[in-house]
Amino acid sequence: MVGVDEVVRIWSLGCIATTAERLCRYAQALVAERPIGAYRALDDEQEDRVILSLYRVDRPHATIADLHQMPPLALSGYHQMLHDLAREGLGPIPA
């Protein structure tokens, strides 16, 4: 399993344009929801749940319905976070 510090390090290398503190909050939310380990493909529902955990850092009371109403461009940053992990061979472990 990969911890919060490693996730933040990977995201920092990926040039995600946000502060280390915010990246840490995203990483904590992600790791609390799903352990991070070797990359495995997620189905659509699993990916939605993972992205929801990241989105809730910004909108704590968000639901899946809220997520589905967002324009794709608004979700692109959260998708990029998952892609940056995948590029390093890592990702959330499906439940």
PDB file of N, CA and C in Angstrom:
ATOM      1  N   MET A   1       0.835  -1.185   0.000  1.00  0.00           N
ATOM      2  CA  MET A   1       0.000   0.000   0.000  1.00  0.00           C
ATOM      3  C   MET A   1       0.886   1.257   0.000  1.00  0.00           C
ATOM      4  N   VAL A   2       0.371   2.287  -0.599  1.00  0.00           N
ATOM      5  CA  VAL A   2       1.075   3.555  -0.717  1.00  0.00           C
ATOM      6  C   VAL A   2       0.395   4.561   0.199  1.00  0.00           C
ATOM      7  N   GLY A   3       1.187   5.359   0.900  1.00  0.00           N
ATOM      8  CA  GLY A   3       0.650   6.330   1.839  1.00  0.00           C
ATOM      9  C   GLY A   3       0.426   7.705   1.232  1.00  0.00           C
ATOM     10  N   VAL A   4      -0.110   8.565   2.057  1.00  0.00           N
ATOM     11  CA  VAL A   4      -0.449   9.931   1.664  1.00  0.00           C
ATOM     12  C   VAL A   4       0.773  10.672   1.120  1.00  0.00           C
ATOM     13  N   ASP A   5       1.911  10.553   1.796  1.00  0.00           N
ATOM     14  CA  ASP A   5       3.106  11.289   1.366  1.00  0.00           C
ATOM     15  C   ASP A   5       3.542  10.903  -0.041  1.00  0.00           C
ATOM     16  N   GLU A   6       3.468   9.616  -0.368  1.00  0.00           N
ATOM     17  CA  GLU A   6       3.855   9.168  -1.706  1.00  0.00           C
ATOM     18  C   GLU A   6       2.876   9.669  -2.758  1.00  0.00           C
ATOM     19  N   VAL A   7       1.597   9.670  -2.442  1.00  0.00           N
ATOM     20  CA  VAL A   7       0.600  10.190  -3.382  1.00  0.00           C
ATOM     21  C   VAL A   7       0.862  11.674  -3.645  1.00  0.00           C
ATOM     22  N   VAL A   8       1.117  12.442  -2.594  1.00  0.00           N
ATOM     23  CA  VAL A   8       1.415  13.874  -2.756  1.00  0.00           C
ATOM     24  C   VAL A   8       2.674  14.062  -3.594  1.00  0.00           C
ATOM     25  N   ARG A   9       3.683  13.240  -3.358  1.00  0.00           N
ATOM     26  CA  ARG A   9       4.924  13.339  -4.135  1.00  0.00           C
ATOM     27  C   ARG A   9       4.644  13.114  -5.628  1.00  0.00           C
ATOM     28  N   ILE A  10       3.870  12.093  -5.940  1.00  0.00           N
ATOM     29  CA  ILE A  10       3.541  11.787  -7.339  1.00  0.00           C
ATOM     30  C   ILE A  10       2.764  12.940  -7.954  1.00  0.00           C
ATOM     31  N   TRP A  11       1.780  13.443  -7.241  1.00  0.00           N
ATOM     32  CA  TRP A  11       0.997  14.551  -7.779  1.00  0.00           C
ATOM     33  C   TRP A  11       1.845  15.802  -7.949  1.00  0.00           C
ATOM     34  N   SER A  12       2.777  16.029  -7.064  1.00  0.00           N
ATOM     35  CA  SER A  12       3.667  17.193  -7.188  1.00  0.00           C
ATOM     36  C   SER A  12       4.532  17.068  -8.436  1.00  0.00           C
ATOM     37  N   LEU A  13       5.007  15.864  -8.720  1.00  0.00           N
ATOM     38  CA  LEU A  13       5.802  15.632  -9.927  1.00  0.00           C
ATOM     39  C   LEU A  13       4.963  15.811 -11.177  1.00  0.00           C
ATOM     40  N   GLY A  14       3.675  15.521 -11.076  1.00  0.00           N
ATOM     41  CA  GLY A  14       2.771  15.650 -12.212  1.00  0.00           C
ATOM     42  C   GLY A  14       2.388  17.086 -12.508  1.00  0.00           C
ATOM     43  N   CYS A  15       2.920  18.010 -11.742  1.00  0.00           N
ATOM     44  CA  CYS A  15       2.681  19.435 -11.966  1.00  0.00           C
ATOM     45  C   CYS A  15       1.216  19.823 -11.816  1.00  0.00           C
ATOM     46  N   ILE A  16       0.512  19.193 -10.915  1.00  0.00           N
ATOM     47  CA  ILE A  16      -0.852  19.621 -10.633  1.00  0.00           C
ATOM     48  C   ILE A  16      -0.754  20.997  -9.984  1.00  0.00           C
ATOM     49  N   ALA A  17      -1.461  21.932 -10.531  1.00  0.00           N
ATOM     50  CA  ALA A  17      -1.333  23.329 -10.112  1.00  0.00           C
ATOM     51  C   ALA A  17      -2.157  23.612  -8.858  1.00  0.00           C
ATOM     52  N   THR A  18      -1.646  23.162  -7.730  1.00  0.00           N
ATOM     53  CA  THR A  18      -2.265  23.479  -6.445  1.00  0.00           C
ATOM     54  C   THR A  18      -1.205  23.349  -5.356  1.00  0.00           C
ATOM     55  N   THR A  19      -1.531  23.813  -4.185  1.00  0.00           N
ATOM     56  CA  THR A  19      -0.557  23.814  -3.094  1.00  0.00           C
ATOM     57  C   THR A  19      -0.353  22.403  -2.528  1.00  0.00           C
ATOM     58  N   ALA A  20       0.779  22.207  -1.873  1.00  0.00           N
ATOM     59  CA  ALA A  20       1.068  20.914  -1.232  1.00  0.00           C
ATOM     60  C   ALA A  20       0.025  20.607  -0.162  1.00  0.00           C
ATOM     61  N   GLU A  21      -0.433  21.640   0.529  1.00  0.00           N
ATOM     62  CA  GLU A  21      -1.453  21.432   1.567  1.00  0.00           C
ATOM     63  C   GLU A  21      -2.747  20.880   0.961  1.00  0.00           C
ATOM     64  N   ARG A  22      -3.150  21.449  -0.153  1.00  0.00           N
ATOM     65  CA  ARG A  22      -4.380  20.980  -0.815  1.00  0.00           C
ATOM     66  C   ARG A  22      -4.182  19.576  -1.386  1.00  0.00           C
ATOM     67  N   LEU A  23      -3.027  19.331  -1.984  1.00  0.00           N
ATOM     68  CA  LEU A  23      -2.732  17.985  -2.480  1.00  0.00           C
ATOM     69  C   LEU A  23      -2.784  16.970  -1.346  1.00  0.00           C
ATOM     70  N   CYS A  24      -2.300  17.371  -0.186  1.00  0.00           N
ATOM     71  CA  CYS A  24      -2.334  16.496   0.980  1.00  0.00           C
ATOM     72  C   CYS A  24      -3.777  16.183   1.380  1.00  0.00           C
ATOM     73  N   ARG A  25      -4.640  17.178   1.327  1.00  0.00           N
ATOM     74  CA  ARG A  25      -6.048  16.932   1.660  1.00  0.00           C
ATOM     75  C   ARG A  25      -6.699  15.988   0.654  1.00  0.00           C
ATOM     76  N   TYR A  26      -6.387  16.169  -0.633  1.00  0.00           N
ATOM     77  CA  TYR A  26      -6.902  15.247  -1.645  1.00  0.00           C
ATOM     78  C   TYR A  26      -6.380  13.828  -1.387  1.00  0.00           C
ATOM     79  N   ALA A  27      -5.092  13.721  -1.110  1.00  0.00           N
ATOM     80  CA  ALA A  27      -4.492  12.403  -0.874  1.00  0.00           C
ATOM     81  C   ALA A  27      -5.098  11.742   0.363  1.00  0.00           C
ATOM     82  N   GLN A  28      -5.289  12.499   1.425  1.00  0.00           N
ATOM     83  CA  GLN A  28      -5.900  11.940   2.637  1.00  0.00           C
ATOM     84  C   GLN A  28      -7.306  11.437   2.357  1.00  0.00           C
ATOM     85  N   ALA A  29      -8.087  12.217   1.599  1.00  0.00           N
ATOM     86  CA  ALA A  29      -9.456  11.806   1.263  1.00  0.00           C
ATOM     87  C   ALA A  29      -9.451  10.543   0.417  1.00  0.00           C
ATOM     88  N   LEU A  30      -8.544  10.485  -0.528  1.00  0.00           N
ATOM     89  CA  LEU A  30      -8.461   9.327  -1.410  1.00  0.00           C
ATOM     90  C   LEU A  30      -8.049   8.077  -0.652  1.00  0.00           C
ATOM     91  N   VAL A  31      -7.000   8.193   0.152  1.00  0.00           N
ATOM     92  CA  VAL A  31      -6.489   7.038   0.901  1.00  0.00           C
ATOM     93  C   VAL A  31      -7.501   6.573   1.943  1.00  0.00           C
ATOM     94  N   ALA A  32      -8.242   7.501   2.528  1.00  0.00           N
ATOM     95  CA  ALA A  32      -9.262   7.122   3.512  1.00  0.00           C
ATOM     96  C   ALA A  32     -10.391   6.335   2.852  1.00  0.00           C
ATOM     97  N   GLU A  33     -10.695   6.679   1.606  1.00  0.00           N
ATOM     98  CA  GLU A  33     -11.783   6.018   0.885  1.00  0.00           C
ATOM     99  C   GLU A  33     -11.342   4.679   0.302  1.00  0.00           C
ATOM    100  N   ARG A  34     -10.176   4.660  -0.319  1.00  0.00           N
ATOM    101  CA  ARG A  34      -9.652   3.456  -0.980  1.00  0.00           C
ATOM    102  C   ARG A  34      -8.147   3.392  -0.775  1.00  0.00           C
ATOM    103  N   PRO A  35      -7.628   2.275  -0.333  1.00  0.00           N
ATOM    104  CA  PRO A  35      -6.165   2.144  -0.269  1.00  0.00           C
ATOM    105  C   PRO A  35      -5.564   2.299  -1.670  1.00  0.00           C
ATOM    106  N   ILE A  36      -4.345   2.782  -1.727  1.00  0.00           N
ATOM    107  CA  ILE A  36      -3.644   2.960  -2.994  1.00  0.00           C
ATOM    108  C   ILE A  36      -2.605   1.860  -3.114  1.00  0.00           C
ATOM    109  N   GLY A  37      -2.632   1.184  -4.240  1.00  0.00           N
ATOM    110  CA  GLY A  37      -1.685   0.098  -4.484  1.00  0.00           C
ATOM    111  C   GLY A  37      -1.392  -0.007  -5.963  1.00  0.00           C
ATOM    112  N   ALA A  38      -1.028  -1.209  -6.399  1.00  0.00           N
ATOM    113  CA  ALA A  38      -0.736  -1.428  -7.818  1.00  0.00           C
ATOM    114  C   ALA A  38      -1.964  -1.081  -8.654  1.00  0.00           C
ATOM    115  N   TYR A  39      -1.711  -0.478  -9.813  1.00  0.00           N
ATOM    116  CA  TYR A  39      -2.808  -0.023 -10.675  1.00  0.00           C
ATOM    117  C   TYR A  39      -3.717  -1.182 -11.060  1.00  0.00           C
ATOM    118  N   ARG A  40      -4.997  -0.920 -10.964  1.00  0.00           N
ATOM    119  CA  ARG A  40      -6.044  -1.820 -11.467  1.00  0.00           C
ATOM    120  C   ARG A  40      -7.105  -0.930 -12.098  1.00  0.00           C
ATOM    121  N   ALA A  41      -7.625  -1.370 -13.221  1.00  0.00           N
ATOM    122  CA  ALA A  41      -8.681  -0.597 -13.879  1.00  0.00           C
ATOM    123  C   ALA A  41      -9.927  -0.582 -13.002  1.00  0.00           C
ATOM    124  N   LEU A  42     -10.586   0.564 -12.964  1.00  0.00           N
ATOM    125  CA  LEU A  42     -11.835   0.715 -12.224  1.00  0.00           C
ATOM    126  C   LEU A  42     -12.998   0.704 -13.206  1.00  0.00           C
ATOM    127  N   ASP A  43     -14.122   0.129 -12.791  1.00  0.00           N
ATOM    128  CA  ASP A  43     -15.307   0.267 -13.636  1.00  0.00           C
ATOM    129  C   ASP A  43     -15.880   1.668 -13.402  1.00  0.00           C
ATOM    130  N   ASP A  44     -16.905   2.035 -14.138  1.00  0.00           N
ATOM    131  CA  ASP A  44     -17.441   3.404 -14.066  1.00  0.00           C
ATOM    132  C   ASP A  44     -17.920   3.769 -12.671  1.00  0.00           C
ATOM    133  N   GLU A  45     -18.608   2.846 -12.011  1.00  0.00           N
ATOM    134  CA  GLU A  45     -19.125   3.131 -10.666  1.00  0.00           C
ATOM    135  C   GLU A  45     -17.982   3.319  -9.669  1.00  0.00           C
ATOM    136  N   GLN A  46     -16.970   2.482  -9.747  1.00  0.00           N
ATOM    137  CA  GLN A  46     -15.817   2.616  -8.846  1.00  0.00           C
ATOM    138  C   GLN A  46     -15.094   3.933  -9.091  1.00  0.00           C
ATOM    139  N   GLU A  47     -14.924   4.292 -10.354  1.00  0.00           N
ATOM    140  CA  GLU A  47     -14.258   5.554 -10.676  1.00  0.00           C
ATOM    141  C   GLU A  47     -15.069   6.740 -10.151  1.00  0.00           C
ATOM    142  N   ASP A  48     -16.391   6.683 -10.302  1.00  0.00           N
ATOM    143  CA  ASP A  48     -17.246   7.750  -9.771  1.00  0.00           C
ATOM    144  C   ASP A  48     -17.054   7.901  -8.268  1.00  0.00           C
ATOM    145  N   ARG A  49     -17.006   6.799  -7.549  1.00  0.00           N
ATOM    146  CA  ARG A  49     -16.837   6.843  -6.089  1.00  0.00           C
ATOM    147  C   ARG A  49     -15.489   7.445  -5.711  1.00  0.00           C
ATOM    148  N   VAL A  50     -14.453   7.079  -6.443  1.00  0.00           N
ATOM    149  CA  VAL A  50     -13.116   7.615  -6.168  1.00  0.00           C
ATOM    150  C   VAL A  50     -13.091   9.116  -6.447  1.00  0.00           C
ATOM    151  N   ILE A  51     -13.641   9.524  -7.582  1.00  0.00           N
ATOM    152  CA  ILE A  51     -13.659  10.951  -7.915  1.00  0.00           C
ATOM    153  C   ILE A  51     -14.523  11.715  -6.922  1.00  0.00           C
ATOM    154  N   LEU A  52     -15.608  11.117  -6.470  1.00  0.00           N
ATOM    155  CA  LEU A  52     -16.438  11.763  -5.455  1.00  0.00           C
ATOM    156  C   LEU A  52     -15.644  12.019  -4.179  1.00  0.00           C
ATOM    157  N   SER A  53     -14.793  11.087  -3.790  1.00  0.00           N
ATOM    158  CA  SER A  53     -13.983  11.303  -2.580  1.00  0.00           C
ATOM    159  C   SER A  53     -13.047  12.495  -2.760  1.00  0.00           C
ATOM    160  N   LEU A  54     -12.512  12.677  -3.959  1.00  0.00           N
ATOM    161  CA  LEU A  54     -11.668  13.848  -4.231  1.00  0.00           C
ATOM    162  C   LEU A  54     -12.507  15.127  -4.282  1.00  0.00           C
ATOM    163  N   TYR A  55     -13.652  15.061  -4.945  1.00  0.00           N
ATOM    164  CA  TYR A  55     -14.530  16.227  -5.085  1.00  0.00           C
ATOM    165  C   TYR A  55     -15.027  16.719  -3.729  1.00  0.00           C
ATOM    166  N   ARG A  56     -15.224  15.804  -2.810  1.00  0.00           N
ATOM    167  CA  ARG A  56     -15.715  16.192  -1.483  1.00  0.00           C
ATOM    168  C   ARG A  56     -14.698  17.001  -0.684  1.00  0.00           C
ATOM    169  N   VAL A  57     -13.443  17.014  -1.108  1.00  0.00           N
ATOM    170  CA  VAL A  57     -12.480  17.928  -0.483  1.00  0.00           C
ATOM    171  C   VAL A  57     -12.928  19.359  -0.744  1.00  0.00           C
ATOM    172  N   ASP A  58     -13.442  19.606  -1.935  1.00  0.00           N
ATOM    173  CA  ASP A  58     -13.894  20.946  -2.329  1.00  0.00           C
ATOM    174  C   ASP A  58     -15.351  21.205  -1.970  1.00  0.00           C
ATOM    175  N   ARG A  59     -16.155  20.168  -2.013  1.00  0.00           N
ATOM    176  CA  ARG A  59     -17.598  20.267  -1.720  1.00  0.00           C
ATOM    177  C   ARG A  59     -17.969  19.117  -0.788  1.00  0.00           C
ATOM    178  N   PRO A  60     -17.814  19.315   0.523  1.00  0.00           N
ATOM    179  CA  PRO A  60     -17.966  18.215   1.488  1.00  0.00           C
ATOM    180  C   PRO A  60     -19.284  17.453   1.440  1.00  0.00           C
ATOM    181  N   HIS A  61     -20.347  18.077   1.006  1.00  0.00           N
ATOM    182  CA  HIS A  61     -21.648  17.411   1.028  1.00  0.00           C
ATOM    183  C   HIS A  61     -22.078  16.915  -0.356  1.00  0.00           C
ATOM    184  N   ALA A  62     -21.153  16.857  -1.283  1.00  0.00           N
ATOM    185  CA  ALA A  62     -21.479  16.437  -2.646  1.00  0.00           C
ATOM    186  C   ALA A  62     -21.946  14.989  -2.675  1.00  0.00           C
ATOM    187  N   THR A  63     -22.801  14.721  -3.640  1.00  0.00           N
ATOM    188  CA  THR A  63     -23.327  13.373  -3.852  1.00  0.00           C
ATOM    189  C   THR A  63     -22.952  12.908  -5.263  1.00  0.00           C
ATOM    190  N   ILE A  64     -23.220  11.648  -5.519  1.00  0.00           N
ATOM    191  CA  ILE A  64     -23.001  11.118  -6.869  1.00  0.00           C
ATOM    192  C   ILE A  64     -23.847  11.902  -7.872  1.00  0.00           C
ATOM    193  N   ALA A  65     -25.067  12.252  -7.491  1.00  0.00           N
ATOM    194  CA  ALA A  65     -25.925  13.030  -8.397  1.00  0.00           C
ATOM    195  C   ALA A  65     -25.276  14.376  -8.739  1.00  0.00           C
ATOM    196  N   ASP A  66     -24.662  15.030  -7.751  1.00  0.00           N
ATOM    197  CA  ASP A  66     -23.961  16.295  -8.007  1.00  0.00           C
ATOM    198  C   ASP A  66     -22.824  16.076  -9.002  1.00  0.00           C
ATOM    199  N   LEU A  67     -22.108  15.000  -8.796  1.00  0.00           N
ATOM    200  CA  LEU A  67     -20.975  14.676  -9.666  1.00  0.00           C
ATOM    201  C   LEU A  67     -21.439  14.477 -11.109  1.00  0.00           C
ATOM    202  N   HIS A  68     -22.558  13.797 -11.284  1.00  0.00           N
ATOM    203  CA  HIS A  68     -23.063  13.515 -12.623  1.00  0.00           C
ATOM    204  C   HIS A  68     -23.609  14.756 -13.324  1.00  0.00           C
ATOM    205  N   GLN A  69     -23.875  15.813 -12.578  1.00  0.00           N
ATOM    206  CA  GLN A  69     -24.375  17.051 -13.182  1.00  0.00           C
ATOM    207  C   GLN A  69     -23.252  18.015 -13.562  1.00  0.00           C
ATOM    208  N   MET A  70     -22.026  17.687 -13.168  1.00  0.00           N
ATOM    209  CA  MET A  70     -20.897  18.565 -13.485  1.00  0.00           C
ATOM    210  C   MET A  70     -20.487  18.407 -14.944  1.00  0.00           C
ATOM    211  N   PRO A  71     -20.094  19.500 -15.586  1.00  0.00           N
ATOM    212  CA  PRO A  71     -19.573  19.390 -16.952  1.00  0.00           C
ATOM    213  C   PRO A  71     -18.248  18.612 -16.945  1.00  0.00           C
ATOM    214  N   PRO A  72     -17.966  17.892 -18.014  1.00  0.00           N
ATOM    215  CA  PRO A  72     -16.737  17.098 -18.073  1.00  0.00           C
ATOM    216  C   PRO A  72     -15.470  17.907 -17.795  1.00  0.00           C
ATOM    217  N   LEU A  73     -15.422  19.124 -18.273  1.00  0.00           N
ATOM    218  CA  LEU A  73     -14.225  19.938 -18.049  1.00  0.00           C
ATOM    219  C   LEU A  73     -14.003  20.204 -16.557  1.00  0.00           C
ATOM    220  N   ALA A  74     -15.080  20.355 -15.808  1.00  0.00           N
ATOM    221  CA  ALA A  74     -14.962  20.599 -14.367  1.00  0.00           C
ATOM    222  C   ALA A  74     -14.407  19.370 -13.642  1.00  0.00           C
ATOM    223  N   LEU A  75     -14.617  18.204 -14.204  1.00  0.00           N
ATOM    224  CA  LEU A  75     -14.124  16.966 -13.591  1.00  0.00           C
ATOM    225  C   LEU A  75     -12.713  16.597 -14.046  1.00  0.00           C
ATOM    226  N   SER A  76     -12.205  17.290 -15.041  1.00  0.00           N
ATOM    227  CA  SER A  76     -10.940  16.889 -15.655  1.00  0.00           C
ATOM    228  C   SER A  76      -9.764  16.900 -14.678  1.00  0.00           C
ATOM    229  N   GLY A  77      -9.744  17.831 -13.735  1.00  0.00           N
ATOM    230  CA  GLY A  77      -8.648  17.876 -12.769  1.00  0.00           C
ATOM    231  C   GLY A  77      -8.618  16.647 -11.883  1.00  0.00           C
ATOM    232  N   TYR A  78      -9.791  16.166 -11.497  1.00  0.00           N
ATOM    233  CA  TYR A  78      -9.866  14.967 -10.665  1.00  0.00           C
ATOM    234  C   TYR A  78      -9.443  13.735 -11.467  1.00  0.00           C
ATOM    235  N   HIS A  79      -9.857  13.687 -12.728  1.00  0.00           N
ATOM    236  CA  HIS A  79      -9.429  12.589 -13.596  1.00  0.00           C
ATOM    237  C   HIS A  79      -7.908  12.627 -13.774  1.00  0.00           C
ATOM    238  N   GLN A  80      -7.357  13.819 -13.908  1.00  0.00           N
ATOM    239  CA  GLN A  80      -5.909  13.953 -14.091  1.00  0.00           C
ATOM    240  C   GLN A  80      -5.156  13.397 -12.889  1.00  0.00           C
ATOM    241  N   MET A  81      -5.685  13.611 -11.698  1.00  0.00           N
ATOM    242  CA  MET A  81      -5.040  13.071 -10.502  1.00  0.00           C
ATOM    243  C   MET A  81      -4.949  11.548 -10.581  1.00  0.00           C
ATOM    244  N   LEU A  82      -6.031  10.926 -11.020  1.00  0.00           N
ATOM    245  CA  LEU A  82      -6.023   9.466 -11.151  1.00  0.00           C
ATOM    246  C   LEU A  82      -5.055   9.024 -12.246  1.00  0.00           C
ATOM    247  N   HIS A  83      -5.002   9.777 -13.349  1.00  0.00           N
ATOM    248  CA  HIS A  83      -4.078   9.438 -14.430  1.00  0.00           C
ATOM    249  C   HIS A  83      -2.624   9.586 -14.002  1.00  0.00           C
ATOM    250  N   ASP A  84      -2.333  10.592 -13.187  1.00  0.00           N
ATOM    251  CA  ASP A  84      -0.963  10.765 -12.694  1.00  0.00           C
ATOM    252  C   ASP A  84      -0.536   9.579 -11.838  1.00  0.00           C
ATOM    253  N   LEU A  85      -1.449   9.084 -11.008  1.00  0.00           N
ATOM    254  CA  LEU A  85      -1.144   7.888 -10.222  1.00  0.00           C
ATOM    255  C   LEU A  85      -0.937   6.688 -11.146  1.00  0.00           C
ATOM    256  N   ALA A  86      -1.811   6.534 -12.128  1.00  0.00           N
ATOM    257  CA  ALA A  86      -1.735   5.392 -13.041  1.00  0.00           C
ATOM    258  C   ALA A  86      -0.418   5.410 -13.818  1.00  0.00           C
ATOM    259  N   ARG A  87       0.045   6.583 -14.187  1.00  0.00           N
ATOM    260  CA  ARG A  87       1.311   6.708 -14.901  1.00  0.00           C
ATOM    261  C   ARG A  87       2.475   6.142 -14.076  1.00  0.00           C
ATOM    262  N   GLU A  88       2.331   6.198 -12.759  1.00  0.00           N
ATOM    263  CA  GLU A  88       3.344   5.646 -11.851  1.00  0.00           C
ATOM    264  C   GLU A  88       3.046   4.188 -11.493  1.00  0.00           C
ATOM    265  N   GLY A  89       2.013   3.614 -12.125  1.00  0.00           N
ATOM    266  CA  GLY A  89       1.651   2.217 -11.861  1.00  0.00           C
ATOM    267  C   GLY A  89       0.829   2.022 -10.609  1.00  0.00           C
ATOM    268  N   LEU A  90       0.204   3.099 -10.142  1.00  0.00           N
ATOM    269  CA  LEU A  90      -0.566   3.044  -8.906  1.00  0.00           C
ATOM    270  C   LEU A  90      -2.007   3.468  -9.137  1.00  0.00           C
ATOM    271  N   GLY A  91      -2.850   3.131  -8.186  1.00  0.00           N
ATOM    272  CA  GLY A  91      -4.244   3.571  -8.252  1.00  0.00           C
ATOM    273  C   GLY A  91      -5.024   3.068  -7.072  1.00  0.00           C
ATOM    274  N   PRO A  92      -6.248   3.583  -6.931  1.00  0.00           N
ATOM    275  CA  PRO A  92      -7.121   3.118  -5.858  1.00  0.00           C
ATOM    276  C   PRO A  92      -7.463   1.641  -6.064  1.00  0.00           C
ATOM    277  N   ILE A  93      -7.486   0.895  -4.986  1.00  0.00           N
ATOM    278  CA  ILE A  93      -7.817  -0.518  -5.062  1.00  0.00           C
ATOM    279  C   ILE A  93      -9.337  -0.648  -5.065  1.00  0.00           C
ATOM    280  N   PRO A  94      -9.902  -1.291  -6.079  1.00  0.00           N
ATOM    281  CA  PRO A  94     -11.362  -1.444  -6.136  1.00  0.00           C
ATOM    282  C   PRO A  94     -11.903  -2.164  -4.896  1.00  0.00           C
ATOM    283  N   ALA A  95     -13.075  -1.741  -4.469  1.00  0.00           N
ATOM    284  CA  ALA A  95     -13.696  -2.366  -3.297  1.00  0.00           C
ATOM    285  C   ALA A  95     -14.332  -3.685  -3.681  1.00  0.00           C
TER     286      ALA A  95
END
